[in-house]
Amino acid sequence: MKTTRKHLTITTIVLVTLAPMIATANSGNGINPFQGFYGQFSTGYESNSFTNTSLRYTNVSPPEYYSSGTNIASNQTASGMPLVVGMGYNFSLNEKWILGIGADYSFLAQTTSKFSARNPAFIQSTPAVGQQLKASDRFNVFLTAGYALTRQDLLYAKAGYSNQNVQFTRPAQDSATGLTATSNQGGYILGLGYRKAIEGGLYVYAEANYMKYSSASLNGSLSGQSGEDTVITNISQNPSASAMTVLIGLGYRF
């Protein structure tokens, strides 16, 4: 969360600093009706996919219990209704074309259903159950290019950087303690959208976005009892993630 706030602060400073210079540099062009600062919020549908969700484990202590292996798990999905708040600045290239910079933040986390993992080398073993993955604190910074169909209608595309937090949780079970591990994932965002001016600076918009992330590094340890011995096990997981959003929203151009 601290990293996200830092990104938001930096992006705000960049927008506030660059916008007056960009507007001055383009003051001689035909002014596009979508030029200016804007703020907006949206909701709709979000779908997240996680691959490579299997867990690698190593029993590290006591030494006589040393062993390692992989608990196999299937790919997972998490979907729901997002809440995305964004801001940005569009400047006019001419009466038809705009170029912009923007940022948005997704406030609602999306969590998978509970899933299990089992080591196929030990068919009779009890699977680890109740595990979940969660995507949260998504932050996007992007450039947009738009074309004004009319003075009320804008089509645009966007591309940029995306970052999210991913969390793995495994509840306590049998004699083993629970585990929570978190990591940030960086990647990219691509999107297409449509904006319709209503009155004054008010507008509605719809957009579709695709985000792809690099592998996360989730690591932790848990302990369990074997007779009178306490066995320490290191757990690691490196899930990859992608996400898709379809949004409708309301905004204001200042």
Protein backbone atom coordinates (compact mmCIF):
# COMPACT_ATOMS: atom_id res chain seq x y z
CA MET A 1 0.00 0.00 0.00
CA LYS A 2 2.89 2.39 0.75
CA THR A 3 4.31 1.70 -2.72
CA THR A 4 0.95 2.48 -4.30
CA ARG A 5 0.64 5.79 -2.42
CA LYS A 6 4.16 6.71 -3.53
CA HIS A 7 3.22 5.98 -7.15
CA LEU A 8 0.04 8.06 -6.85
CA THR A 9 1.99 11.00 -5.40
CA ILE A 10 4.63 10.87 -8.14
CA THR A 11 1.99 10.60 -10.87
CA THR A 12 0.05 13.57 -9.47
CA ILE A 13 3.21 15.71 -9.40
CA VAL A 14 4.04 14.74 -12.99
CA LEU A 15 0.53 15.56 -14.22
CA VAL A 16 0.42 18.91 -12.46
CA THR A 17 3.91 19.85 -13.69
CA LEU A 18 3.57 18.79 -17.32
CA ALA A 19 0.03 19.91 -18.08
CA PRO A 20 0.64 23.71 -18.18
CA MET A 21 3.76 23.27 -20.32
CA ILE A 22 1.95 20.95 -22.73
CA ALA A 23 -1.04 23.28 -22.99
CA THR A 24 1.22 26.27 -23.72
CA ALA A 25 3.15 24.33 -26.35
CA ASN A 26 -0.09 23.46 -28.13
CA SER A 27 -1.86 26.78 -27.75
CA GLY A 28 -1.51 27.45 -31.46
CA ASN A 29 -3.34 24.31 -32.51
CA GLY A 30 -7.05 23.91 -33.06
CA ILE A 31 -8.38 23.10 -29.60
CA ASN A 32 -9.83 19.65 -29.16
CA PRO A 33 -13.00 19.68 -26.98
CA PHE A 34 -11.57 16.85 -24.83
CA GLN A 35 -8.43 18.73 -23.82
CA GLY A 36 -7.83 19.33 -20.11
CA PHE A 37 -7.60 17.74 -16.69
CA TYR A 38 -10.15 15.07 -15.84
CA GLY A 39 -11.20 12.90 -12.92
CA GLN A 40 -13.41 9.83 -13.20
CA PHE A 41 -14.68 6.65 -11.54
CA SER A 42 -16.05 3.42 -12.95
CA THR A 43 -17.29 -0.07 -12.18
CA GLY A 44 -18.31 -3.12 -14.20
CA TYR A 45 -16.77 -6.56 -14.43
CA GLU A 46 -13.25 -7.82 -13.62
CA SER A 47 -11.75 -11.26 -14.23
CA ASN A 48 -8.33 -12.37 -12.94
CA SER A 49 -6.47 -15.52 -13.96
CA PHE A 50 -3.60 -17.15 -12.04
CA THR A 51 -1.34 -19.79 -13.59
CA ASN A 52 1.62 -21.74 -12.20
CA THR A 53 -0.08 -22.01 -8.81
CA SER A 54 1.69 -25.17 -7.58
CA LEU A 55 3.66 -24.92 -4.32
CA ARG A 56 7.24 -26.04 -3.79
CA TYR A 57 8.10 -27.12 -0.27
CA THR A 58 11.28 -28.02 1.59
CA ASN A 59 11.40 -29.49 5.09
CA VAL A 60 14.48 -27.76 6.52
CA SER A 61 14.47 -28.57 10.23
CA PRO A 62 15.27 -30.85 12.03
CA PRO A 63 17.86 -32.17 9.51
CA GLU A 64 16.59 -35.74 9.70
CA TYR A 65 13.26 -34.59 8.25
CA TYR A 66 14.81 -32.96 5.20
CA SER A 67 12.80 -33.52 2.00
CA SER A 68 11.42 -31.43 -0.85
CA GLY A 69 8.75 -31.69 -3.48
CA THR A 70 5.87 -29.96 -5.26
CA ASN A 71 2.21 -29.83 -4.36
CA ILE A 72 0.30 -29.58 -7.65
CA ALA A 73 -2.60 -27.12 -7.92
CA SER A 74 -4.78 -26.15 -10.86
CA ASN A 75 -5.00 -22.68 -12.42
CA GLN A 76 -7.29 -20.31 -10.54
CA THR A 77 -9.64 -17.42 -11.36
CA ALA A 78 -11.10 -14.55 -9.37
CA SER A 79 -13.83 -12.26 -10.66
CA GLY A 80 -16.16 -9.60 -9.38
CA MET A 81 -17.19 -5.97 -9.55
CA PRO A 82 -14.30 -3.45 -9.39
CA LEU A 83 -14.22 0.17 -8.31
CA VAL A 84 -11.67 2.16 -10.30
CA VAL A 85 -10.85 5.85 -9.71
CA GLY A 86 -8.64 7.71 -12.17
CA MET A 87 -7.32 11.09 -13.22
CA GLY A 88 -5.31 12.48 -16.09
CA TYR A 89 -4.66 15.23 -18.58
CA ASN A 90 -5.42 15.28 -22.30
CA PHE A 91 -3.85 17.85 -24.57
CA SER A 92 -4.84 18.83 -28.06
CA LEU A 93 -2.78 17.90 -31.10
CA ASN A 94 -5.47 19.42 -33.33
CA GLU A 95 -9.25 19.57 -33.47
CA LYS A 96 -9.51 15.80 -33.93
CA TRP A 97 -6.57 14.18 -32.10
CA ILE A 98 -5.61 14.21 -28.45
CA LEU A 99 -2.69 12.72 -26.53
CA GLY A 100 -2.92 12.17 -22.79
CA ILE A 101 -1.32 10.83 -19.67
CA GLY A 102 -3.34 9.22 -16.88
CA ALA A 103 -3.38 6.99 -13.84
CA ASP A 104 -5.98 4.93 -12.01
CA TYR A 105 -6.31 2.82 -8.89
CA SER A 106 -8.58 -0.16 -8.22
CA PHE A 107 -9.97 -0.17 -4.67
CA LEU A 108 -11.62 -3.60 -4.47
CA ALA A 109 -9.68 -6.86 -4.09
CA GLN A 110 -10.64 -10.01 -6.00
CA THR A 111 -10.10 -13.40 -4.32
CA THR A 112 -10.17 -16.93 -5.75
CA SER A 113 -12.29 -19.72 -4.39
CA LYS A 114 -10.55 -22.04 -1.94
CA PHE A 115 -8.43 -24.65 -3.69
CA SER A 116 -6.33 -27.67 -2.76
CA ALA A 117 -2.86 -28.91 -3.69
CA ARG A 118 -1.45 -32.44 -3.52
CA ASN A 119 1.93 -34.06 -4.10
CA PRO A 120 1.28 -36.69 -6.82
CA ALA A 121 4.20 -38.77 -5.50
CA PHE A 122 2.16 -39.48 -2.36
CA ILE A 123 -1.28 -40.52 -3.53
CA GLN A 124 -2.44 -41.42 -0.02
CA SER A 125 -1.30 -38.10 1.49
CA THR A 126 -3.78 -35.55 2.75
CA PRO A 127 -4.01 -32.59 0.32
CA ALA A 128 -3.44 -29.04 1.52
CA VAL A 129 -6.88 -27.42 1.40
CA GLY A 130 -8.43 -23.99 1.85
CA GLN A 131 -5.74 -22.10 -0.06
CA GLN A 132 -6.55 -18.81 -1.82
CA LEU A 133 -4.93 -16.16 -4.03
CA LYS A 134 -5.96 -12.51 -3.93
CA ALA A 135 -5.25 -9.62 -6.32
CA SER A 136 -5.46 -6.10 -4.86
CA ASP A 137 -4.15 -2.52 -4.97
CA ARG A 138 -3.88 -2.41 -8.76
CA PHE A 139 -2.28 0.78 -10.02
CA ASN A 140 -1.99 1.79 -13.70
CA VAL A 141 -0.05 4.62 -15.36
CA PHE A 142 -0.69 5.03 -19.08
CA LEU A 143 -0.60 7.15 -22.21
CA THR A 144 -3.75 7.64 -24.28
CA ALA A 145 -4.30 8.57 -27.92
CA GLY A 146 -7.79 9.64 -28.91
CA TYR A 147 -9.78 10.70 -31.97
CA ALA A 148 -12.83 12.97 -31.70
CA LEU A 149 -15.63 11.64 -33.91
CA THR A 150 -17.67 14.73 -33.03
CA ARG A 151 -17.33 17.40 -30.36
CA GLN A 152 -19.19 15.06 -28.00
CA ASP A 153 -17.74 11.65 -28.95
CA LEU A 154 -14.19 10.39 -28.44
CA LEU A 155 -12.60 7.04 -29.26
CA TYR A 156 -9.28 6.30 -27.54
CA ALA A 157 -6.64 3.66 -26.95
CA LYS A 158 -4.26 3.44 -24.02
CA ALA A 159 -1.10 1.57 -23.06
CA GLY A 160 1.19 1.70 -20.05
CA TYR A 161 2.50 0.17 -16.85
CA SER A 162 0.43 -1.84 -14.36
CA ASN A 163 1.27 -3.04 -10.85
CA GLN A 164 -0.73 -5.10 -8.38
CA ASN A 165 -0.35 -6.88 -5.06
CA VAL A 166 -0.89 -10.64 -4.98
CA GLN A 167 -1.39 -12.57 -1.75
CA PHE A 168 -1.36 -16.31 -1.03
CA THR A 169 -3.00 -17.68 2.10
CA ARG A 170 -3.02 -21.20 3.49
CA PRO A 171 -5.03 -21.81 6.68
CA ALA A 172 -3.78 -23.86 9.60
CA GLN A 173 -4.69 -27.53 9.27
CA ASP A 174 -3.89 -30.72 11.15
CA SER A 175 -0.79 -29.83 13.20
CA ALA A 176 0.59 -27.29 10.68
CA THR A 177 0.40 -23.53 11.18
CA GLY A 178 -1.11 -21.20 8.61
CA LEU A 179 0.80 -19.10 6.08
CA THR A 180 0.33 -15.73 4.37
CA ALA A 181 2.73 -14.43 1.71
CA THR A 182 2.49 -11.27 -0.42
CA SER A 183 4.36 -9.82 -3.38
CA ASN A 184 4.03 -7.09 -6.02
CA GLN A 185 3.65 -7.93 -9.69
CA GLY A 186 4.62 -5.54 -12.47
CA GLY A 187 3.31 -5.70 -16.03
CA TYR A 188 1.50 -3.78 -18.73
CA ILE A 189 -1.99 -2.53 -19.56
CA LEU A 190 -3.67 -2.19 -22.96
CA GLY A 191 -7.12 -0.68 -23.38
CA LEU A 192 -9.76 0.73 -25.72
CA GLY A 193 -12.46 3.18 -24.76
CA TYR A 194 -15.28 5.53 -25.76
CA ARG A 195 -16.19 8.82 -24.09
CA LYS A 196 -19.44 10.76 -24.52
CA ALA A 197 -19.66 14.40 -23.38
CA ILE A 198 -22.97 15.19 -21.68
CA GLU A 199 -23.04 18.79 -20.51
CA GLY A 200 -20.32 21.20 -19.48
CA GLY A 201 -17.38 19.06 -18.43
CA LEU A 202 -19.47 16.02 -17.47
CA TYR A 203 -19.06 12.82 -19.50
CA VAL A 204 -19.80 9.10 -19.44
CA TYR A 205 -17.39 6.49 -20.73
CA ALA A 206 -16.92 2.80 -21.38
CA GLU A 207 -13.67 0.91 -21.78
CA ALA A 208 -12.14 -2.56 -21.94
CA ASN A 209 -8.67 -3.28 -20.53
CA TYR A 210 -6.24 -6.18 -20.52
CA MET A 211 -3.38 -6.48 -18.01
CA LYS A 212 -0.56 -9.01 -17.97
CA TYR A 213 1.91 -9.46 -15.10
CA SER A 214 5.26 -11.10 -14.50
CA SER A 215 5.59 -13.93 -11.99
CA ALA A 216 5.23 -13.06 -8.32
CA SER A 217 7.65 -14.36 -5.71
CA LEU A 218 5.66 -15.69 -2.75
CA ASN A 219 7.72 -17.20 0.05
CA GLY A 220 7.07 -18.20 3.63
CA SER A 221 7.45 -20.92 6.22
CA LEU A 222 5.19 -22.93 8.46
CA SER A 223 5.67 -25.43 11.25
CA GLY A 224 4.02 -28.71 12.17
CA GLN A 225 4.34 -31.49 14.68
CA SER A 226 5.72 -34.95 13.94
CA GLY A 227 5.59 -36.83 17.22
CA GLU A 228 7.55 -34.70 19.67
CA ASP A 229 9.45 -32.87 16.91
CA THR A 230 8.56 -29.51 15.40
CA VAL A 231 9.21 -29.60 11.65
CA ILE A 232 9.89 -26.32 9.81
CA THR A 233 8.85 -26.21 6.15
CA ASN A 234 9.69 -23.48 3.63
CA ILE A 235 7.02 -22.81 1.00
CA SER A 236 7.44 -20.97 -2.32
CA GLN A 237 5.05 -20.16 -5.13
CA ASN A 238 5.54 -18.11 -8.33
CA PRO A 239 2.13 -17.50 -9.89
CA SER A 240 1.71 -15.51 -13.08
CA ALA A 241 -1.39 -13.37 -13.47
CA SER A 242 -3.49 -11.61 -16.05
CA ALA A 243 -6.68 -9.57 -15.76
CA MET A 244 -9.47 -8.21 -17.91
CA THR A 245 -11.88 -5.41 -17.05
CA VAL A 246 -14.98 -4.08 -18.80
CA LEU A 247 -15.94 -0.74 -17.25
CA ILE A 248 -18.60 1.95 -17.45
CA GLY A 249 -18.15 5.21 -15.61
CA LEU A 250 -18.73 8.88 -15.05
CA GLY A 251 -16.16 11.66 -15.22
CA TYR A 252 -15.61 15.39 -15.27
CA ARG A 253 -13.27 17.44 -17.48
CA PHE A 254 -12.07 20.59 -15.74
